[in-house]
Amino acid sequence: GLQVNQIPLERILQPGEPLKVVCSITGTDNPNLYWYRWTLTDGFKLMFSSLGVGNVDPENLGDLSSNRPGPLQIVLESKSVTDVGSVVWFCAASPHSITDHSESCTKTLRDENCFSS
């Protein structure tokens, strides 16, 4: 089945430090890929989405950028993070751009394996 792997899985940063998180997907050919941000005040919020190689919307968001170098990989980067407080980033994948997310997969810190709803 569809699997999502984030490297590093967990990292704590101070403002001003660089960030790079690589998300790799297995179990499908060319999925749609997403970066979600979770905060205590806003909950989960979709920040970046990609429907194919070289296509990320938006490419930049404040001090963060995302790119998709290959069909099974998406990268989240910042030369100098400015977020203060607790922010958690999650990579997610879906085999198609369908509204039914029964085949979607998200890697979380609590779950070693992805789940299907």
Protein backbone atom coordinates (compact mmCIF):
# COMPACT_ATOMS: atom_id res chain seq x y z
CA GLY A 1 0.00 0.00 0.00
CA LEU A 2 0.81 3.68 -0.03
CA GLN A 3 3.53 4.70 2.47
CA VAL A 4 4.93 8.11 3.46
CA ASN A 5 8.42 8.55 4.94
CA GLN A 6 9.67 11.87 6.32
CA ILE A 7 13.39 12.48 6.96
CA PRO A 8 14.05 13.66 9.55
CA LEU A 9 10.97 12.35 11.29
CA GLU A 10 11.43 14.71 14.21
CA ARG A 11 13.47 17.89 14.60
CA ILE A 12 13.25 20.80 17.04
CA LEU A 13 14.48 24.15 15.72
CA GLN A 14 15.15 27.58 17.14
CA PRO A 15 14.22 30.69 15.11
CA GLY A 16 16.95 31.47 12.58
CA GLU A 17 18.01 27.84 12.03
CA PRO A 18 17.72 26.19 8.60
CA LEU A 19 15.14 23.50 7.89
CA LYS A 20 15.05 20.71 5.32
CA VAL A 21 12.54 17.86 5.43
CA VAL A 22 12.39 15.29 2.62
CA CYS A 23 9.22 13.28 2.13
CA SER A 24 9.43 10.08 0.05
CA ILE A 25 6.47 7.99 -1.12
CA THR A 26 6.22 4.29 -1.99
CA GLY A 27 3.33 2.14 -3.16
CA THR A 28 2.06 4.29 -6.03
CA ASP A 29 3.41 5.76 -9.27
CA ASN A 30 2.80 9.52 -9.26
CA PRO A 31 0.72 10.63 -6.27
CA ASN A 32 -0.47 14.08 -5.35
CA LEU A 33 1.71 15.31 -2.47
CA TYR A 34 0.93 17.77 0.30
CA TRP A 35 2.52 19.58 3.24
CA TYR A 36 0.22 20.33 6.19
CA ARG A 37 1.09 22.56 9.13
CA TRP A 38 -0.36 21.87 12.56
CA THR A 39 -0.49 24.47 15.31
CA LEU A 40 -2.35 24.46 18.60
CA THR A 41 -4.43 27.48 17.57
CA ASP A 42 -5.19 26.57 13.92
CA GLY A 43 -5.08 22.78 13.91
CA PHE A 44 -4.23 21.24 10.51
CA LYS A 45 -3.88 23.60 7.55
CA LEU A 46 -2.88 22.70 3.98
CA MET A 47 0.16 24.81 3.08
CA PHE A 48 1.67 23.27 -0.09
CA SER A 49 0.26 20.90 -2.69
CA SER A 50 1.80 19.21 -5.72
CA LEU A 51 0.05 17.42 -8.58
CA GLY A 52 3.27 16.47 -10.42
CA VAL A 53 7.04 16.81 -10.73
CA GLY A 54 8.21 20.43 -10.70
CA ASN A 55 4.76 21.68 -9.70
CA VAL A 56 4.21 22.92 -6.13
CA ASP A 57 1.52 25.45 -5.19
CA PRO A 58 2.63 27.80 -3.79
CA GLU A 59 6.39 27.42 -4.31
CA ASN A 60 7.17 29.91 -1.52
CA LEU A 61 5.27 30.85 1.60
CA GLY A 62 7.03 33.36 3.81
CA ASP A 63 10.43 31.94 4.75
CA LEU A 64 9.43 28.43 3.57
CA SER A 65 9.67 26.85 0.15
CA SER A 66 8.72 23.49 -1.28
CA ASN A 67 9.84 21.67 -4.41
CA ARG A 68 9.14 18.35 -6.04
CA PRO A 69 12.34 16.99 -7.62
CA GLY A 70 10.84 13.62 -8.58
CA PRO A 71 7.49 11.80 -8.87
CA LEU A 72 7.79 10.23 -5.40
CA GLN A 73 9.43 13.03 -3.41
CA ILE A 74 8.58 16.49 -2.06
CA VAL A 75 10.90 18.73 -0.03
CA LEU A 76 10.15 21.43 2.56
CA GLU A 77 12.94 23.97 3.16
CA SER A 78 13.82 27.21 4.89
CA LYS A 79 17.17 28.98 5.07
CA SER A 80 16.10 30.53 8.36
CA VAL A 81 12.85 29.59 10.13
CA THR A 82 10.90 32.43 11.70
CA ASP A 83 7.98 30.53 13.28
CA VAL A 84 7.93 30.91 17.05
CA GLY A 85 6.00 28.38 19.11
CA SER A 86 4.90 24.84 18.39
CA VAL A 87 4.55 24.08 14.68
CA VAL A 88 4.44 20.53 13.34
CA TRP A 89 4.74 19.70 9.63
CA PHE A 90 3.16 16.61 8.07
CA CYS A 91 3.64 15.20 4.61
CA ALA A 92 0.64 13.51 2.98
CA ALA A 93 0.03 11.67 -0.29
CA SER A 94 -2.98 10.69 -2.36
CA PRO A 95 -2.92 8.49 -5.48
CA HIS A 96 -5.24 10.92 -7.38
CA SER A 97 -6.90 14.27 -7.00
CA ILE A 98 -10.10 12.74 -5.68
CA THR A 99 -12.25 14.21 -2.94
CA ASP A 100 -12.65 10.82 -1.23
CA HIS A 101 -9.47 10.46 0.82
CA SER A 102 -9.98 6.79 1.66
CA GLU A 103 -6.66 6.00 -0.08
CA SER A 104 -4.67 8.90 1.39
CA CYS A 105 -1.72 8.42 3.70
CA THR A 106 -0.15 10.72 6.28
CA LYS A 107 2.97 10.08 8.34
CA THR A 108 2.63 11.14 11.97
CA LEU A 109 5.00 11.04 14.91
CA ARG A 110 2.66 8.70 16.77
CA ASP A 111 2.00 6.20 14.00
CA GLU A 112 4.85 4.23 12.42
CA ASN A 113 2.55 3.08 9.62
CA CYS A 114 0.17 5.07 7.48
CA PHE A 115 -3.54 4.61 7.83
CA SER A 116 -6.51 4.42 5.52
CA SER A 117 -9.84 5.77 6.62
